[in-house]
């Protein structure tokens, strides 16, 4: 499998519980091989002013061809009006790990 076939899709949530629940649902549904949940500080423009918020980031490891399905899933499950959903390609990685991502997201 070529490295460019794996992506990392990122979103954030306002609580650890919501972030962990979303991560578990995506992994159980085989939309991602794994997801990492960790605290971040987000500074962003919203409702005409700069916001500064504690959030929980979720990084999903998945196949590129599942990216759109995962993005739709995140949007359906999320309670933010406009959730961050960004996918970036993996440009390098260990062959064993990339093969594992492919195997764990197989139908």
C-alpha atoms as a PDB file:
ATOM      1  CA  UNK A   1       0.000   0.000   0.000  1.00  0.00           C
ATOM      2  CA  UNK A   2       1.357   3.445  -0.893  1.00  0.00           C
ATOM      3  CA  UNK A   3       1.823   5.816   2.045  1.00  0.00           C
ATOM      4  CA  UNK A   4      -0.471   8.405   0.471  1.00  0.00           C
ATOM      5  CA  UNK A   5      -3.413   6.047   0.925  1.00  0.00           C
ATOM      6  CA  UNK A   6      -3.514   6.669   4.689  1.00  0.00           C
ATOM      7  CA  UNK A   7      -4.812   9.917   6.157  1.00  0.00           C
ATOM      8  CA  UNK A   8      -5.269  11.470   9.580  1.00  0.00           C
ATOM      9  CA  UNK A   9      -8.662  13.105  10.095  1.00  0.00           C
ATOM     10  CA  UNK A  10      -8.895  15.601  12.948  1.00  0.00           C
ATOM     11  CA  UNK A  11     -11.772  17.095  14.898  1.00  0.00           C
ATOM     12  CA  UNK A  12     -12.220  18.677  18.327  1.00  0.00           C
ATOM     13  CA  UNK A  13     -14.865  18.453  21.035  1.00  0.00           C
ATOM     14  CA  UNK A  14     -15.676  20.496  24.121  1.00  0.00           C
ATOM     15  CA  UNK A  15     -15.506  17.523  26.491  1.00  0.00           C
ATOM     16  CA  UNK A  16     -13.293  14.486  26.921  1.00  0.00           C
ATOM     17  CA  UNK A  17     -16.306  12.174  27.233  1.00  0.00           C
ATOM     18  CA  UNK A  18     -17.770  13.328  23.904  1.00  0.00           C
ATOM     19  CA  UNK A  19     -14.397  13.041  22.193  1.00  0.00           C
ATOM     20  CA  UNK A  20     -13.791   9.528  23.532  1.00  0.00           C
ATOM     21  CA  UNK A  21     -17.316   8.427  22.583  1.00  0.00           C
ATOM     22  CA  UNK A  22     -16.869   9.716  19.026  1.00  0.00           C
ATOM     23  CA  UNK A  23     -13.488   7.994  18.781  1.00  0.00           C
ATOM     24  CA  UNK A  24     -14.892   4.670  19.991  1.00  0.00           C
ATOM     25  CA  UNK A  25     -17.875   4.799  17.621  1.00  0.00           C
ATOM     26  CA  UNK A  26     -15.646   5.460  14.607  1.00  0.00           C
ATOM     27  CA  UNK A  27     -13.249   2.645  15.523  1.00  0.00           C
ATOM     28  CA  UNK A  28     -16.097   0.204  16.267  1.00  0.00           C
ATOM     29  CA  UNK A  29     -17.649   1.129  12.921  1.00  0.00           C
ATOM     30  CA  UNK A  30     -14.295   0.438  11.195  1.00  0.00           C
ATOM     31  CA  UNK A  31     -14.142   4.001   9.850  1.00  0.00           C
ATOM     32  CA  UNK A  32     -10.780   4.379  11.594  1.00  0.00           C
ATOM     33  CA  UNK A  33      -8.147   1.928  12.762  1.00  0.00           C
ATOM     34  CA  UNK A  34      -7.480   4.015  15.843  1.00  0.00           C
ATOM     35  CA  UNK A  35      -8.108   7.437  17.313  1.00  0.00           C
ATOM     36  CA  UNK A  36      -6.068   9.486  19.726  1.00  0.00           C
ATOM     37  CA  UNK A  37      -7.800  11.845  22.154  1.00  0.00           C
ATOM     38  CA  UNK A  38      -5.884  14.586  23.939  1.00  0.00           C
ATOM     39  CA  UNK A  39      -6.426  18.076  25.408  1.00  0.00           C
ATOM     40  CA  UNK A  40      -5.659  21.184  23.344  1.00  0.00           C
ATOM     41  CA  UNK A  41      -6.165  24.916  23.665  1.00  0.00           C
ATOM     42  CA  UNK A  42      -7.970  26.410  20.650  1.00  0.00           C
ATOM     43  CA  UNK A  43      -7.927  30.092  19.726  1.00  0.00           C
ATOM     44  CA  UNK A  44     -10.265  30.920  16.861  1.00  0.00           C
ATOM     45  CA  UNK A  45     -12.589  33.522  15.378  1.00  0.00           C
ATOM     46  CA  UNK A  46     -16.305  32.849  16.020  1.00  0.00           C
ATOM     47  CA  UNK A  47     -19.402  35.038  16.349  1.00  0.00           C
ATOM     48  CA  UNK A  48     -17.453  38.197  15.595  1.00  0.00           C
ATOM     49  CA  UNK A  49     -14.764  37.775  18.210  1.00  0.00           C
ATOM     50  CA  UNK A  50     -11.722  35.760  19.176  1.00  0.00           C
ATOM     51  CA  UNK A  51     -12.548  32.700  21.264  1.00  0.00           C
ATOM     52  CA  UNK A  52     -10.118  30.885  23.556  1.00  0.00           C
ATOM     53  CA  UNK A  53     -11.315  27.451  24.635  1.00  0.00           C
ATOM     54  CA  UNK A  54     -10.112  24.216  26.154  1.00  0.00           C
ATOM     55  CA  UNK A  55     -11.030  21.372  23.793  1.00  0.00           C
ATOM     56  CA  UNK A  56     -10.293  17.716  23.208  1.00  0.00           C
ATOM     57  CA  UNK A  57      -8.695  16.840  19.873  1.00  0.00           C
ATOM     58  CA  UNK A  58      -9.359  13.545  18.145  1.00  0.00           C
ATOM     59  CA  UNK A  59      -6.970  12.274  15.466  1.00  0.00           C
ATOM     60  CA  UNK A  60      -8.382   9.362  13.466  1.00  0.00           C
ATOM     61  CA  UNK A  61      -6.042   7.131  11.405  1.00  0.00           C
ATOM     62  CA  UNK A  62      -7.835   5.758   8.364  1.00  0.00           C
ATOM     63  CA  UNK A  63      -7.629   4.932   4.662  1.00  0.00           C
ATOM     64  CA  UNK A  64      -7.940   7.855   2.275  1.00  0.00           C
ATOM     65  CA  UNK A  65     -10.933   6.272   0.552  1.00  0.00           C
ATOM     66  CA  UNK A  66     -12.821   6.347   3.890  1.00  0.00           C
ATOM     67  CA  UNK A  67     -12.094  10.030   4.483  1.00  0.00           C
ATOM     68  CA  UNK A  68     -15.399  11.364   3.167  1.00  0.00           C
ATOM     69  CA  UNK A  69     -17.453   8.735   4.998  1.00  0.00           C
ATOM     70  CA  UNK A  70     -15.607   9.535   8.225  1.00  0.00           C
ATOM     71  CA  UNK A  71     -16.134  13.280   7.686  1.00  0.00           C
ATOM     72  CA  UNK A  72     -19.889  12.755   7.204  1.00  0.00           C
ATOM     73  CA  UNK A  73     -20.002  10.500  10.272  1.00  0.00           C
ATOM     74  CA  UNK A  74     -18.245  13.124  12.399  1.00  0.00           C
ATOM     75  CA  UNK A  75     -20.639  15.825  11.168  1.00  0.00           C
ATOM     76  CA  UNK A  76     -23.671  13.684  11.985  1.00  0.00           C
ATOM     77  CA  UNK A  77     -22.414  12.815  15.473  1.00  0.00           C
ATOM     78  CA  UNK A  78     -21.063  16.237  16.431  1.00  0.00           C
ATOM     79  CA  UNK A  79     -22.926  18.904  18.390  1.00  0.00           C
ATOM     80  CA  UNK A  80     -20.848  21.872  17.150  1.00  0.00           C
ATOM     81  CA  UNK A  81     -22.557  24.074  14.564  1.00  0.00           C
ATOM     82  CA  UNK A  82     -19.446  23.938  12.375  1.00  0.00           C
ATOM     83  CA  UNK A  83     -17.115  21.208  13.633  1.00  0.00           C
ATOM     84  CA  UNK A  84     -13.533  21.060  12.486  1.00  0.00           C
ATOM     85  CA  UNK A  85     -13.094  18.085  10.168  1.00  0.00           C
ATOM     86  CA  UNK A  86      -9.722  18.138   8.409  1.00  0.00           C
ATOM     87  CA  UNK A  87      -7.961  15.264   6.689  1.00  0.00           C
ATOM     88  CA  UNK A  88      -4.255  15.301   5.905  1.00  0.00           C
ATOM     89  CA  UNK A  89      -2.270  12.684   3.990  1.00  0.00           C
ATOM     90  CA  UNK A  90       0.356  10.551   5.676  1.00  0.00           C
ATOM     91  CA  UNK A  91       3.475  11.044   3.578  1.00  0.00           C
ATOM     92  CA  UNK A  92       5.689   8.554   5.391  1.00  0.00           C
ATOM     93  CA  UNK A  93       5.369   5.838   7.995  1.00  0.00           C
ATOM     94  CA  UNK A  94       6.373   2.312   8.851  1.00  0.00           C
ATOM     95  CA  UNK A  95       5.063  -0.236   6.379  1.00  0.00           C
ATOM     96  CA  UNK A  96       3.776  -2.428   9.215  1.00  0.00           C
ATOM     97  CA  UNK A  97       1.737   0.410  10.748  1.00  0.00           C
ATOM     98  CA  UNK A  98       0.279   1.546   7.422  1.00  0.00           C
ATOM     99  CA  UNK A  99      -0.654  -2.043   6.570  1.00  0.00           C
ATOM    100  CA  UNK A 100      -2.289  -2.370  10.007  1.00  0.00           C
ATOM    101  CA  UNK A 101      -4.414   0.766   9.357  1.00  0.00           C
ATOM    102  CA  UNK A 102      -5.547  -0.748   6.053  1.00  0.00           C
ATOM    103  CA  UNK A 103      -6.344  -4.125   7.640  1.00  0.00           C
ATOM    104  CA  UNK A 104      -8.302  -2.658  10.562  1.00  0.00           C
ATOM    105  CA  UNK A 105     -10.480  -0.517   8.285  1.00  0.00           C
ATOM    106  CA  UNK A 106     -11.222  -3.280   5.796  1.00  0.00           C
ATOM    107  CA  UNK A 107     -14.843  -4.226   5.204  1.00  0.00           C
END
